[in-house]
N, C-alpha and C. Protein backbone atom coordinates (compact mmCIF):
# COMPACT_ATOMS: atom_id res chain seq x y z
N MET A 1 0.86 -1.20 0.00
CA MET A 1 0.00 0.00 0.00
C MET A 1 0.88 1.24 0.00
N ASN A 2 0.56 2.20 -0.82
CA ASN A 2 1.34 3.43 -0.89
C ASN A 2 0.79 4.43 0.12
N THR A 3 1.45 4.52 1.29
CA THR A 3 0.98 5.39 2.38
C THR A 3 0.99 6.85 1.97
N GLU A 4 2.04 7.20 1.18
CA GLU A 4 2.16 8.61 0.79
C GLU A 4 0.96 9.05 -0.04
N ASN A 5 0.54 8.21 -0.99
CA ASN A 5 -0.61 8.55 -1.82
C ASN A 5 -1.89 8.59 -1.02
N LYS A 6 -2.01 7.66 -0.06
CA LYS A 6 -3.21 7.62 0.79
C LYS A 6 -3.33 8.89 1.60
N ASN A 7 -2.23 9.35 2.17
CA ASN A 7 -2.26 10.56 2.98
C ASN A 7 -2.57 11.78 2.13
N ASN A 8 -1.97 11.84 0.94
CA ASN A 8 -2.20 12.98 0.07
C ASN A 8 -3.66 13.06 -0.38
N ALA A 9 -4.27 11.91 -0.55
CA ALA A 9 -5.66 11.89 -1.02
C ALA A 9 -6.61 12.48 0.00
N SER A 10 -6.22 12.47 1.27
CA SER A 10 -7.12 12.97 2.31
C SER A 10 -6.92 14.45 2.60
N VAL A 11 -5.95 15.06 1.95
CA VAL A 11 -5.66 16.47 2.21
C VAL A 11 -6.49 17.34 1.27
N SER A 12 -7.19 18.33 1.84
CA SER A 12 -8.00 19.23 1.03
C SER A 12 -7.09 20.18 0.27
N PRO A 13 -7.53 20.63 -0.92
CA PRO A 13 -6.73 21.58 -1.69
C PRO A 13 -6.50 22.86 -0.90
N LEU A 14 -5.36 23.48 -1.06
CA LEU A 14 -5.09 24.75 -0.42
C LEU A 14 -5.96 25.83 -1.04
N VAL A 15 -6.21 26.88 -0.27
CA VAL A 15 -7.04 27.97 -0.78
C VAL A 15 -6.45 28.53 -2.06
N GLY A 16 -5.13 28.69 -2.07
CA GLY A 16 -4.47 29.25 -3.24
C GLY A 16 -4.65 28.40 -4.47
N ASP A 17 -4.78 27.08 -4.31
CA ASP A 17 -4.96 26.18 -5.44
C ASP A 17 -6.30 26.39 -6.12
N LEU A 18 -7.25 26.98 -5.41
CA LEU A 18 -8.60 27.20 -5.96
C LEU A 18 -8.81 28.67 -6.31
N GLY A 19 -7.72 29.42 -6.43
CA GLY A 19 -7.84 30.83 -6.77
C GLY A 19 -8.30 31.67 -5.61
N GLY A 20 -7.99 31.25 -4.39
CA GLY A 20 -8.44 31.98 -3.22
C GLY A 20 -7.31 32.61 -2.43
N PHE A 21 -7.69 33.25 -1.32
CA PHE A 21 -6.72 33.90 -0.45
C PHE A 21 -7.38 34.09 0.90
N LYS A 22 -6.79 34.83 1.77
CA LYS A 22 -7.33 35.03 3.11
C LYS A 22 -7.59 36.50 3.38
N ILE A 23 -8.63 36.75 4.17
CA ILE A 23 -8.90 38.10 4.66
C ILE A 23 -9.17 38.00 6.16
N LYS A 24 -9.22 39.13 6.81
CA LYS A 24 -9.59 39.15 8.23
C LYS A 24 -11.05 39.56 8.36
N LEU A 25 -11.78 38.79 9.13
CA LEU A 25 -13.18 39.09 9.42
C LEU A 25 -13.37 38.98 10.91
N ASN A 26 -13.69 40.11 11.55
CA ASN A 26 -13.85 40.16 13.00
C ASN A 26 -12.60 39.63 13.71
N ASN A 27 -11.45 40.08 13.21
CA ASN A 27 -10.14 39.77 13.80
C ASN A 27 -9.73 38.31 13.69
N GLN A 28 -10.40 37.56 12.82
CA GLN A 28 -9.96 36.21 12.58
C GLN A 28 -9.74 36.00 11.08
N GLU A 29 -8.75 35.21 10.76
CA GLU A 29 -8.41 34.99 9.36
C GLU A 29 -9.32 33.92 8.77
N ILE A 30 -9.91 34.22 7.62
CA ILE A 30 -10.78 33.24 6.96
C ILE A 30 -10.34 33.06 5.51
N SER A 31 -10.64 31.92 4.95
CA SER A 31 -10.33 31.62 3.56
C SER A 31 -11.47 32.09 2.67
N VAL A 32 -11.13 32.78 1.60
CA VAL A 32 -12.14 33.28 0.67
C VAL A 32 -11.72 32.91 -0.75
N PHE A 33 -12.67 32.99 -1.66
CA PHE A 33 -12.40 32.69 -3.06
C PHE A 33 -12.56 33.93 -3.91
N GLU A 34 -11.74 34.02 -4.91
CA GLU A 34 -11.77 35.17 -5.81
C GLU A 34 -13.15 35.32 -6.43
N GLY A 35 -13.67 36.54 -6.39
CA GLY A 35 -14.98 36.81 -6.96
C GLY A 35 -16.13 36.69 -5.99
N GLU A 36 -15.88 36.13 -4.81
CA GLU A 36 -16.94 36.00 -3.80
C GLU A 36 -17.32 37.36 -3.23
N LYS A 37 -18.59 37.49 -2.87
CA LYS A 37 -19.02 38.66 -2.12
C LYS A 37 -18.70 38.42 -0.65
N ILE A 38 -18.55 39.49 0.12
CA ILE A 38 -18.21 39.38 1.53
C ILE A 38 -19.23 38.51 2.27
N ILE A 39 -20.52 38.71 1.98
CA ILE A 39 -21.56 37.96 2.69
C ILE A 39 -21.44 36.47 2.40
N GLU A 40 -21.05 36.12 1.17
CA GLU A 40 -20.89 34.71 0.81
C GLU A 40 -19.72 34.08 1.54
N SER A 41 -18.59 34.81 1.59
CA SER A 41 -17.41 34.30 2.29
C SER A 41 -17.69 34.12 3.78
N ALA A 42 -18.37 35.12 4.37
CA ALA A 42 -18.68 35.06 5.79
C ALA A 42 -19.56 33.86 6.11
N ARG A 43 -20.64 33.69 5.37
CA ARG A 43 -21.57 32.59 5.65
C ARG A 43 -20.92 31.24 5.42
N ARG A 44 -20.08 31.15 4.41
CA ARG A 44 -19.40 29.89 4.14
C ARG A 44 -18.45 29.53 5.27
N ASN A 45 -17.98 30.54 6.00
CA ASN A 45 -17.09 30.32 7.14
C ASN A 45 -17.84 30.33 8.47
N GLY A 46 -19.16 30.23 8.41
CA GLY A 46 -19.95 30.11 9.63
C GLY A 46 -20.26 31.41 10.33
N ILE A 47 -20.08 32.54 9.65
CA ILE A 47 -20.35 33.85 10.25
C ILE A 47 -21.57 34.44 9.55
N GLU A 48 -22.64 34.61 10.28
CA GLU A 48 -23.90 35.06 9.69
C GLU A 48 -23.93 36.59 9.55
N ILE A 49 -24.31 37.06 8.39
CA ILE A 49 -24.55 38.47 8.14
C ILE A 49 -25.98 38.58 7.63
N PRO A 50 -26.81 39.41 8.27
CA PRO A 50 -28.22 39.49 7.87
C PRO A 50 -28.38 40.21 6.53
N ALA A 51 -29.48 39.95 5.85
CA ALA A 51 -29.77 40.63 4.59
C ALA A 51 -31.25 40.47 4.27
N LEU A 52 -31.79 41.44 3.54
CA LEU A 52 -33.17 41.37 3.08
C LEU A 52 -33.26 41.34 1.56
N CYS A 53 -32.36 42.06 0.89
CA CYS A 53 -32.43 42.15 -0.57
C CYS A 53 -31.52 41.14 -1.25
N TYR A 54 -30.95 40.21 -0.48
CA TYR A 54 -30.04 39.21 -1.02
C TYR A 54 -30.57 37.81 -0.73
N ALA A 55 -30.45 36.94 -1.72
CA ALA A 55 -30.76 35.52 -1.55
C ALA A 55 -29.70 34.75 -2.32
N LYS A 56 -29.13 33.76 -1.70
CA LYS A 56 -28.03 33.01 -2.30
C LYS A 56 -28.38 32.48 -3.68
N GLY A 57 -27.50 32.76 -4.63
CA GLY A 57 -27.67 32.25 -5.98
C GLY A 57 -28.67 33.01 -6.83
N MET A 58 -29.27 34.07 -6.27
CA MET A 58 -30.28 34.83 -7.00
C MET A 58 -29.73 36.19 -7.44
N LYS A 59 -30.31 36.72 -8.52
CA LYS A 59 -29.94 38.06 -8.97
C LYS A 59 -30.46 39.07 -7.95
N HIS A 60 -29.67 40.10 -7.69
CA HIS A 60 -30.11 41.10 -6.73
C HIS A 60 -29.34 42.40 -6.93
N GLN A 61 -29.84 43.47 -6.30
CA GLN A 61 -29.16 44.75 -6.24
C GLN A 61 -29.16 45.20 -4.79
N ALA A 62 -28.03 45.72 -4.32
CA ALA A 62 -27.95 46.18 -2.93
C ALA A 62 -28.92 47.34 -2.72
N SER A 63 -29.83 47.19 -1.76
CA SER A 63 -30.80 48.25 -1.51
C SER A 63 -31.18 48.39 -0.04
N CYS A 64 -31.25 47.28 0.69
CA CYS A 64 -31.77 47.35 2.06
C CYS A 64 -30.75 47.89 3.06
N MET A 65 -29.46 47.69 2.79
CA MET A 65 -28.35 48.13 3.66
C MET A 65 -28.42 47.51 5.05
N VAL A 66 -29.08 46.37 5.16
CA VAL A 66 -29.10 45.63 6.43
C VAL A 66 -27.86 44.75 6.55
N CYS A 67 -27.18 44.52 5.43
CA CYS A 67 -26.02 43.62 5.42
C CYS A 67 -24.71 44.38 5.56
N VAL A 68 -24.75 45.65 5.98
CA VAL A 68 -23.54 46.46 5.98
C VAL A 68 -22.45 45.89 6.90
N VAL A 69 -21.21 46.11 6.47
CA VAL A 69 -20.02 45.79 7.25
C VAL A 69 -19.09 46.98 7.15
N LYS A 70 -18.00 46.94 7.92
CA LYS A 70 -17.06 48.07 7.91
C LYS A 70 -15.68 47.60 7.46
N ASN A 71 -15.09 48.35 6.54
CA ASN A 71 -13.70 48.12 6.15
C ASN A 71 -12.82 48.81 7.18
N CYS A 72 -12.16 48.03 8.00
CA CYS A 72 -11.38 48.59 9.11
C CYS A 72 -10.17 49.39 8.64
N GLU A 73 -9.72 49.16 7.42
CA GLU A 73 -8.57 49.88 6.89
C GLU A 73 -8.95 51.28 6.43
N THR A 74 -10.13 51.42 5.86
CA THR A 74 -10.55 52.71 5.30
C THR A 74 -11.66 53.39 6.09
N GLY A 75 -12.34 52.61 6.95
CA GLY A 75 -13.48 53.15 7.69
C GLY A 75 -14.74 53.18 6.86
N GLN A 76 -14.68 52.69 5.64
CA GLN A 76 -15.82 52.72 4.74
C GLN A 76 -16.86 51.68 5.12
N ILE A 77 -18.13 52.09 5.06
CA ILE A 77 -19.25 51.17 5.30
C ILE A 77 -19.66 50.57 3.96
N LEU A 78 -19.72 49.24 3.91
CA LEU A 78 -19.94 48.54 2.64
C LEU A 78 -21.15 47.61 2.71
N PRO A 79 -21.91 47.51 1.63
CA PRO A 79 -22.94 46.48 1.55
C PRO A 79 -22.26 45.15 1.25
N SER A 80 -22.31 44.21 2.17
CA SER A 80 -21.57 42.96 2.01
C SER A 80 -22.14 42.08 0.90
N CYS A 81 -23.38 42.33 0.50
CA CYS A 81 -24.00 41.49 -0.53
C CYS A 81 -23.51 41.83 -1.93
N SER A 82 -22.86 42.98 -2.09
CA SER A 82 -22.41 43.37 -3.43
C SER A 82 -20.93 43.72 -3.49
N THR A 83 -20.24 43.67 -2.36
CA THR A 83 -18.82 44.00 -2.32
C THR A 83 -17.99 42.73 -2.43
N VAL A 84 -17.15 42.67 -3.45
CA VAL A 84 -16.30 41.51 -3.69
C VAL A 84 -15.10 41.54 -2.76
N VAL A 85 -14.73 40.39 -2.22
CA VAL A 85 -13.57 40.32 -1.32
C VAL A 85 -12.30 40.68 -2.08
N ALA A 86 -11.36 41.27 -1.35
CA ALA A 86 -10.07 41.64 -1.93
C ALA A 86 -8.97 41.21 -0.98
N ASP A 87 -7.86 40.83 -1.53
CA ASP A 87 -6.73 40.36 -0.73
C ASP A 87 -6.32 41.42 0.29
N GLY A 88 -6.16 41.00 1.53
CA GLY A 88 -5.72 41.91 2.58
C GLY A 88 -6.84 42.65 3.28
N MET A 89 -8.07 42.40 2.90
CA MET A 89 -9.20 43.08 3.54
C MET A 89 -9.25 42.79 5.03
N ASN A 90 -9.69 43.77 5.80
CA ASN A 90 -9.91 43.61 7.24
C ASN A 90 -11.32 44.13 7.51
N ILE A 91 -12.25 43.20 7.70
CA ILE A 91 -13.67 43.54 7.77
C ILE A 91 -14.24 43.32 9.16
N ASP A 92 -15.09 44.25 9.57
CA ASP A 92 -15.82 44.14 10.84
C ASP A 92 -17.30 43.96 10.53
N SER A 93 -17.88 42.88 11.05
CA SER A 93 -19.31 42.64 10.80
C SER A 93 -20.13 42.53 12.08
N GLU A 94 -19.51 42.77 13.24
CA GLU A 94 -20.25 42.51 14.47
C GLU A 94 -20.06 43.55 15.56
N SER A 95 -19.40 44.67 15.27
CA SER A 95 -19.21 45.70 16.29
C SER A 95 -20.52 46.42 16.57
N ASP A 96 -20.56 47.16 17.67
CA ASP A 96 -21.76 47.93 18.01
C ASP A 96 -22.05 48.97 16.93
N GLU A 97 -21.00 49.54 16.35
CA GLU A 97 -21.19 50.54 15.29
C GLU A 97 -21.93 49.93 14.10
N VAL A 98 -21.50 48.76 13.68
CA VAL A 98 -22.13 48.09 12.55
C VAL A 98 -23.57 47.70 12.89
N LYS A 99 -23.78 47.18 14.08
CA LYS A 99 -25.12 46.78 14.49
C LYS A 99 -26.06 47.98 14.57
N ASP A 100 -25.55 49.13 15.01
CA ASP A 100 -26.37 50.34 15.07
C ASP A 100 -26.78 50.78 13.67
N LEU A 101 -25.87 50.66 12.71
CA LEU A 101 -26.19 51.03 11.33
C LEU A 101 -27.25 50.10 10.75
N ARG A 102 -27.16 48.83 11.08
CA ARG A 102 -28.18 47.88 10.61
C ARG A 102 -29.53 48.20 11.24
N ARG A 103 -29.51 48.56 12.50
CA ARG A 103 -30.76 48.91 13.18
C ARG A 103 -31.39 50.14 12.51
N GLN A 104 -30.56 51.13 12.17
CA GLN A 104 -31.08 52.32 11.49
C GLN A 104 -31.70 51.97 10.15
N SER A 105 -31.05 51.08 9.42
CA SER A 105 -31.58 50.66 8.13
C SER A 105 -32.94 49.98 8.29
N LEU A 106 -33.06 49.13 9.30
CA LEU A 106 -34.32 48.45 9.58
C LEU A 106 -35.40 49.45 9.96
N GLU A 107 -35.04 50.44 10.77
CA GLU A 107 -36.02 51.42 11.21
C GLU A 107 -36.48 52.30 10.05
N LEU A 108 -35.59 52.60 9.11
CA LEU A 108 -35.99 53.35 7.93
C LEU A 108 -36.94 52.52 7.06
N LEU A 109 -36.67 51.24 6.94
CA LEU A 109 -37.57 50.36 6.19
C LEU A 109 -38.94 50.30 6.86
N LEU A 110 -38.94 50.22 8.18
CA LEU A 110 -40.20 50.13 8.91
C LEU A 110 -41.01 51.43 8.79
N SER A 111 -40.32 52.57 8.69
CA SER A 111 -41.03 53.85 8.57
C SER A 111 -41.76 53.97 7.25
N ASP A 112 -41.32 53.20 6.25
CA ASP A 112 -41.94 53.23 4.93
C ASP A 112 -42.68 51.92 4.65
N HIS A 113 -43.12 51.29 5.73
CA HIS A 113 -43.73 49.96 5.62
C HIS A 113 -45.05 49.97 6.38
N ILE A 114 -46.12 49.55 5.73
CA ILE A 114 -47.42 49.57 6.39
C ILE A 114 -47.47 48.60 7.55
N ALA A 115 -46.75 47.48 7.39
CA ALA A 115 -46.57 46.52 8.49
C ALA A 115 -47.86 45.99 9.08
N VAL A 116 -48.79 45.63 8.22
CA VAL A 116 -50.01 44.99 8.68
C VAL A 116 -49.76 43.48 8.66
N CYS A 117 -49.55 42.90 9.82
CA CYS A 117 -49.24 41.46 9.87
C CYS A 117 -50.54 40.67 9.92
N ARG A 118 -51.14 40.52 8.76
CA ARG A 118 -52.41 39.83 8.68
C ARG A 118 -52.18 38.42 8.13
N LEU A 119 -53.15 37.58 8.33
CA LEU A 119 -53.06 36.20 7.86
C LEU A 119 -52.95 36.18 6.33
N PRO A 120 -52.24 35.19 5.77
CA PRO A 120 -51.52 34.11 6.47
C PRO A 120 -50.07 34.52 6.74
N CYS A 121 -49.81 35.12 7.87
CA CYS A 121 -48.47 35.62 8.21
C CYS A 121 -47.76 34.62 9.12
N ASP A 122 -46.60 34.17 8.71
CA ASP A 122 -45.79 33.25 9.49
C ASP A 122 -44.57 34.02 9.97
N VAL A 123 -44.54 34.38 11.25
CA VAL A 123 -43.46 35.18 11.81
C VAL A 123 -42.10 34.56 11.54
N LYS A 124 -42.04 33.23 11.54
CA LYS A 124 -40.77 32.55 11.35
C LYS A 124 -40.23 32.76 9.93
N LYS A 125 -41.12 33.06 8.98
CA LYS A 125 -40.69 33.23 7.60
C LYS A 125 -40.52 34.69 7.21
N CYS A 126 -40.95 35.62 8.05
CA CYS A 126 -40.81 37.05 7.75
C CYS A 126 -39.47 37.53 8.26
N THR A 127 -38.51 37.64 7.36
CA THR A 127 -37.16 38.03 7.76
C THR A 127 -37.13 39.45 8.31
N LEU A 128 -37.95 40.35 7.77
CA LEU A 128 -37.98 41.72 8.26
C LEU A 128 -38.38 41.76 9.73
N ARG A 129 -39.44 41.06 10.07
CA ARG A 129 -39.91 41.06 11.46
C ARG A 129 -38.89 40.38 12.38
N LYS A 130 -38.31 39.29 11.90
CA LYS A 130 -37.31 38.57 12.68
C LYS A 130 -36.10 39.46 12.99
N LEU A 131 -35.60 40.18 11.98
CA LEU A 131 -34.43 41.04 12.19
C LEU A 131 -34.78 42.28 13.02
N ALA A 132 -35.99 42.81 12.81
CA ALA A 132 -36.41 43.96 13.61
C ALA A 132 -36.43 43.61 15.09
N THR A 133 -36.87 42.40 15.40
CA THR A 133 -36.88 41.94 16.79
C THR A 133 -35.46 41.70 17.29
N GLU A 134 -34.64 41.03 16.48
CA GLU A 134 -33.28 40.71 16.87
C GLU A 134 -32.45 41.97 17.13
N TYR A 135 -32.64 43.00 16.31
CA TYR A 135 -31.84 44.24 16.44
C TYR A 135 -32.56 45.31 17.26
N ARG A 136 -33.70 44.94 17.82
CA ARG A 136 -34.47 45.85 18.66
C ARG A 136 -34.78 47.16 17.93
N ALA A 137 -35.15 47.03 16.68
CA ALA A 137 -35.51 48.20 15.89
C ALA A 137 -36.85 48.74 16.36
N LYS A 138 -36.96 50.06 16.45
CA LYS A 138 -38.19 50.70 16.89
C LYS A 138 -39.06 51.00 15.67
N TRP A 139 -40.30 50.60 15.75
CA TRP A 139 -41.22 50.80 14.63
C TRP A 139 -41.56 52.29 14.44
N ASN A 140 -41.41 53.09 15.49
CA ASN A 140 -41.78 54.50 15.41
C ASN A 140 -40.59 55.44 15.55
N ARG A 141 -39.38 54.97 15.23
CA ARG A 141 -38.18 55.81 15.34
C ARG A 141 -38.29 57.03 14.42
N TYR A 142 -38.80 56.81 13.22
CA TYR A 142 -38.95 57.88 12.24
C TYR A 142 -40.43 58.06 11.93
N PRO A 143 -40.81 59.26 11.47
CA PRO A 143 -42.22 59.48 11.11
C PRO A 143 -42.67 58.45 10.08
N ARG A 144 -43.85 57.90 10.30
CA ARG A 144 -44.37 56.88 9.40
C ARG A 144 -44.82 57.52 8.09
N TYR A 145 -44.31 56.99 7.01
CA TYR A 145 -44.73 57.47 5.70
C TYR A 145 -44.65 56.34 4.70
N SER A 146 -45.66 56.20 3.90
CA SER A 146 -45.62 55.24 2.83
C SER A 146 -46.57 55.67 1.73
N ALA A 147 -46.04 55.69 0.51
CA ALA A 147 -46.87 56.03 -0.64
C ALA A 147 -47.74 54.84 -1.02
N ILE A 148 -47.42 53.67 -0.44
CA ILE A 148 -48.19 52.46 -0.73
C ILE A 148 -49.37 52.38 0.23
N LYS A 149 -50.54 52.40 -0.29
CA LYS A 149 -51.74 52.34 0.54
C LYS A 149 -52.07 50.88 0.88
N ASP A 150 -52.70 50.72 2.01
CA ASP A 150 -53.08 49.37 2.44
C ASP A 150 -54.18 48.86 1.53
N ALA A 151 -53.81 47.94 0.65
CA ALA A 151 -54.76 47.40 -0.31
C ALA A 151 -54.94 45.91 -0.08
N GLN A 152 -56.00 45.39 -0.62
CA GLN A 152 -56.24 43.96 -0.50
C GLN A 152 -55.20 43.20 -1.34
N PRO A 153 -54.78 42.03 -0.87
CA PRO A 153 -53.81 41.22 -1.61
C PRO A 153 -54.30 40.93 -3.03
N GLN A 154 -53.36 40.88 -3.96
CA GLN A 154 -53.67 40.60 -5.35
C GLN A 154 -53.54 39.10 -5.61
N HIS A 155 -54.60 38.50 -6.14
CA HIS A 155 -54.54 37.09 -6.50
C HIS A 155 -53.81 36.97 -7.83
N ILE A 156 -52.72 36.21 -7.85
CA ILE A 156 -51.93 36.06 -9.07
C ILE A 156 -52.47 34.90 -9.89
N LYS A 157 -52.41 33.69 -9.32
CA LYS A 157 -52.97 32.51 -9.98
C LYS A 157 -52.90 31.35 -9.00
N GLY A 158 -53.81 30.42 -9.10
CA GLY A 158 -53.82 29.27 -8.21
C GLY A 158 -53.82 29.70 -6.75
N ASN A 159 -52.84 29.22 -5.98
CA ASN A 159 -52.70 29.60 -4.56
C ASN A 159 -51.71 30.74 -4.36
N PHE A 160 -51.30 31.38 -5.45
CA PHE A 160 -50.24 32.39 -5.44
C PHE A 160 -50.84 33.78 -5.26
N TRP A 161 -50.37 34.50 -4.22
CA TRP A 161 -50.89 35.83 -3.89
C TRP A 161 -49.75 36.84 -3.71
N PHE A 162 -50.08 38.13 -3.88
CA PHE A 162 -49.13 39.23 -3.69
C PHE A 162 -49.78 40.29 -2.81
N ASP A 163 -49.19 40.52 -1.63
CA ASP A 163 -49.69 41.53 -0.69
C ASP A 163 -48.77 42.74 -0.76
N VAL A 164 -49.15 43.74 -1.54
CA VAL A 164 -48.30 44.91 -1.78
C VAL A 164 -48.01 45.67 -0.48
N ALA A 165 -48.91 45.57 0.50
CA ALA A 165 -48.72 46.29 1.76
C ALA A 165 -47.51 45.78 2.53
N LYS A 166 -47.11 44.55 2.29
CA LYS A 166 -45.96 43.98 3.00
C LYS A 166 -44.65 44.11 2.21
N CYS A 167 -44.74 44.61 0.99
CA CYS A 167 -43.57 44.68 0.11
C CYS A 167 -42.61 45.80 0.53
N ILE A 168 -41.32 45.49 0.61
CA ILE A 168 -40.30 46.50 0.93
C ILE A 168 -39.48 46.86 -0.32
N ARG A 169 -39.92 46.43 -1.47
CA ARG A 169 -39.28 46.74 -2.75
C ARG A 169 -37.81 46.35 -2.79
N CYS A 170 -37.53 45.18 -2.27
CA CYS A 170 -36.14 44.68 -2.29
C CYS A 170 -35.73 44.33 -3.71
N GLY A 171 -36.69 44.02 -4.56
CA GLY A 171 -36.41 43.75 -5.97
C GLY A 171 -36.12 42.31 -6.33
N LEU A 172 -36.09 41.42 -5.35
CA LEU A 172 -35.75 40.03 -5.65
C LEU A 172 -36.73 39.41 -6.65
N CYS A 173 -38.01 39.70 -6.51
CA CYS A 173 -38.99 39.14 -7.44
C CYS A 173 -38.88 39.78 -8.81
N VAL A 174 -38.42 41.03 -8.85
CA VAL A 174 -38.27 41.73 -10.13
C VAL A 174 -37.08 41.18 -10.90
N TYR A 175 -35.95 41.06 -10.20
CA TYR A 175 -34.72 40.64 -10.88
C TYR A 175 -34.72 39.15 -11.22
N ASN A 176 -35.59 38.38 -10.56
CA ASN A 176 -35.59 36.93 -10.78
C ASN A 176 -36.85 36.43 -11.47
N SER A 177 -37.54 37.32 -12.16
CA SER A 177 -38.65 36.90 -13.03
C SER A 177 -38.44 37.56 -14.38
N ASN A 178 -38.64 36.82 -15.42
CA ASN A 178 -38.44 37.30 -16.78
C ASN A 178 -39.73 37.87 -17.32
N ASP A 179 -39.77 39.21 -17.47
CA ASP A 179 -40.98 39.88 -17.93
C ASP A 179 -42.15 39.57 -17.00
N GLY A 180 -41.85 39.65 -15.66
CA GLY A 180 -42.88 39.39 -14.66
C GLY A 180 -43.11 40.62 -13.81
N PHE A 181 -42.69 40.56 -12.54
CA PHE A 181 -42.79 41.72 -11.66
C PHE A 181 -41.89 42.84 -12.18
N THR A 182 -42.30 44.08 -11.91
CA THR A 182 -41.50 45.22 -12.36
C THR A 182 -41.69 46.38 -11.39
N PHE A 183 -40.82 47.38 -11.49
CA PHE A 183 -40.92 48.57 -10.64
C PHE A 183 -41.78 49.63 -11.34
N LYS A 184 -42.54 50.35 -10.54
CA LYS A 184 -43.35 51.46 -11.04
C LYS A 184 -43.00 52.71 -10.23
N ASN A 185 -42.74 53.81 -10.90
CA ASN A 185 -42.38 55.08 -10.26
C ASN A 185 -40.97 55.01 -9.66
N ARG A 186 -40.57 56.07 -8.98
CA ARG A 186 -39.23 56.16 -8.39
C ARG A 186 -39.31 56.71 -6.98
N GLY A 187 -38.17 56.65 -6.27
CA GLY A 187 -38.09 57.23 -4.94
C GLY A 187 -39.09 56.62 -3.98
N PHE A 188 -39.65 57.46 -3.08
CA PHE A 188 -40.59 56.97 -2.08
C PHE A 188 -41.88 56.45 -2.71
N GLY A 189 -42.15 56.88 -3.94
CA GLY A 189 -43.37 56.43 -4.60
C GLY A 189 -43.20 55.14 -5.38
N MET A 190 -41.99 54.56 -5.34
CA MET A 190 -41.75 53.35 -6.11
C MET A 190 -42.53 52.18 -5.55
N GLN A 191 -43.08 51.37 -6.45
CA GLN A 191 -43.83 50.18 -6.07
C GLN A 191 -43.43 49.02 -6.95
N VAL A 192 -43.61 47.82 -6.43
CA VAL A 192 -43.47 46.61 -7.24
C VAL A 192 -44.86 46.25 -7.72
N VAL A 193 -45.00 46.05 -9.01
CA VAL A 193 -46.30 45.72 -9.59
C VAL A 193 -46.16 44.51 -10.51
N LEU A 194 -47.28 43.86 -10.74
CA LEU A 194 -47.33 42.74 -11.68
C LEU A 194 -48.42 43.02 -12.70
N PRO A 195 -48.02 43.46 -13.90
CA PRO A 195 -49.03 43.72 -14.95
C PRO A 195 -49.81 42.45 -15.26
N GLU A 196 -51.06 42.62 -15.62
CA GLU A 196 -51.93 41.48 -15.89
C GLU A 196 -51.35 40.57 -16.97
N GLU A 197 -50.75 41.20 -17.98
CA GLU A 197 -50.22 40.40 -19.08
C GLU A 197 -48.95 39.62 -18.70
N SER A 198 -48.39 39.90 -17.52
CA SER A 198 -47.16 39.23 -17.09
C SER A 198 -47.40 38.12 -16.07
N VAL A 199 -48.66 37.93 -15.66
CA VAL A 199 -48.97 36.92 -14.66
C VAL A 199 -48.46 35.54 -15.07
N LYS A 200 -48.57 35.23 -16.31
CA LYS A 200 -48.17 33.89 -16.80
C LYS A 200 -46.66 33.66 -16.69
N ASN A 201 -45.90 34.73 -16.48
CA ASN A 201 -44.44 34.61 -16.48
C ASN A 201 -43.82 34.44 -15.09
N VAL A 202 -44.63 34.48 -14.03
CA VAL A 202 -44.06 34.40 -12.68
C VAL A 202 -44.30 33.01 -12.08
N ASP A 203 -43.35 32.60 -11.25
CA ASP A 203 -43.37 31.27 -10.66
C ASP A 203 -43.58 31.35 -9.17
N GLU A 204 -44.30 30.38 -8.62
CA GLU A 204 -44.56 30.34 -7.18
C GLU A 204 -43.29 30.24 -6.35
N LEU A 205 -42.20 29.78 -6.95
CA LEU A 205 -40.93 29.65 -6.23
C LEU A 205 -40.42 30.99 -5.73
N LEU A 206 -40.91 32.10 -6.29
CA LEU A 206 -40.52 33.42 -5.82
C LEU A 206 -40.91 33.64 -4.36
N CYS A 207 -41.92 32.91 -3.90
CA CYS A 207 -42.34 33.03 -2.50
C CYS A 207 -41.18 32.69 -1.55
N GLU A 208 -40.33 31.78 -1.98
CA GLU A 208 -39.25 31.30 -1.12
C GLU A 208 -38.17 32.34 -0.89
N ILE A 209 -38.07 33.35 -1.76
CA ILE A 209 -37.02 34.35 -1.59
C ILE A 209 -37.57 35.70 -1.13
N CYS A 210 -38.89 35.82 -1.01
CA CYS A 210 -39.48 37.07 -0.53
C CYS A 210 -39.22 37.22 0.97
N PRO A 211 -38.59 38.32 1.42
CA PRO A 211 -38.21 38.44 2.83
C PRO A 211 -39.33 38.88 3.77
N THR A 212 -40.50 39.23 3.23
CA THR A 212 -41.57 39.74 4.10
C THR A 212 -42.89 38.99 3.93
N GLN A 213 -42.89 37.93 3.15
CA GLN A 213 -44.12 37.20 2.83
C GLN A 213 -45.13 38.06 2.06
N ALA A 214 -44.63 39.05 1.34
CA ALA A 214 -45.50 39.79 0.44
C ALA A 214 -45.97 38.86 -0.68
N LEU A 215 -45.13 37.91 -1.02
CA LEU A 215 -45.49 36.83 -1.95
C LEU A 215 -45.73 35.58 -1.12
N TYR A 216 -46.87 34.96 -1.27
CA TYR A 216 -47.17 33.81 -0.44
C TYR A 216 -48.17 32.89 -1.13
N LEU A 217 -48.27 31.69 -0.58
CA LEU A 217 -49.22 30.71 -1.09
C LEU A 217 -50.34 30.54 -0.07
N SER A 218 -51.55 30.55 -0.53
CA SER A 218 -52.70 30.42 0.37
C SER A 218 -53.91 29.90 -0.39
N GLU A 219 -54.76 29.14 0.31
CA GLU A 219 -55.99 28.65 -0.30
C GLU A 219 -57.11 29.68 -0.19
N PHE A 220 -56.83 30.78 0.59
CA PHE A 220 -57.89 31.77 0.81
C PHE A 220 -57.95 32.76 -0.35
């Protein structure tokens, strides 16, 4: 038996062999891969970073700013869901400063959110409510304003529904449907809408990536 070959077979490839390198995250060195986003590297190394507008493997645009981290070298605040790791990075994702910024982002989202938790609402599946509780975000920190009026949920097809009142316009359903959901208007007046002619183009699987259960399945 060739012991040398047996031992070599059990050794995992070095980070460098896979086009990777190391960065510092919360004062510990972690292995990352070229092209990875900070949030991906962190989660792969067992360090959780919250996010609302990001879902693994899905198209997205940084918007919620709940996933922010700090570049300790420059002091810059970065959205971890869209910032690619770079050799020598020193990132902070858990300091009080970073947590306070995440709380502010959540409170701004809540100020522009009708937040009517009506049936069929599953608290365990509503990431917004879960994070608001975890970060002790105050629902009334900022004056409540929303251009989105409390409307009845829109029946899409079958058991598929869209509750616009719960939508935070993260864009996940827009970016991951082909000629389906789309944005209407800009700024505070922006809404996610589904034109009647586009109903046939959306899939119920979008419910799985919606962070607020604005998209959901129900027999009602």
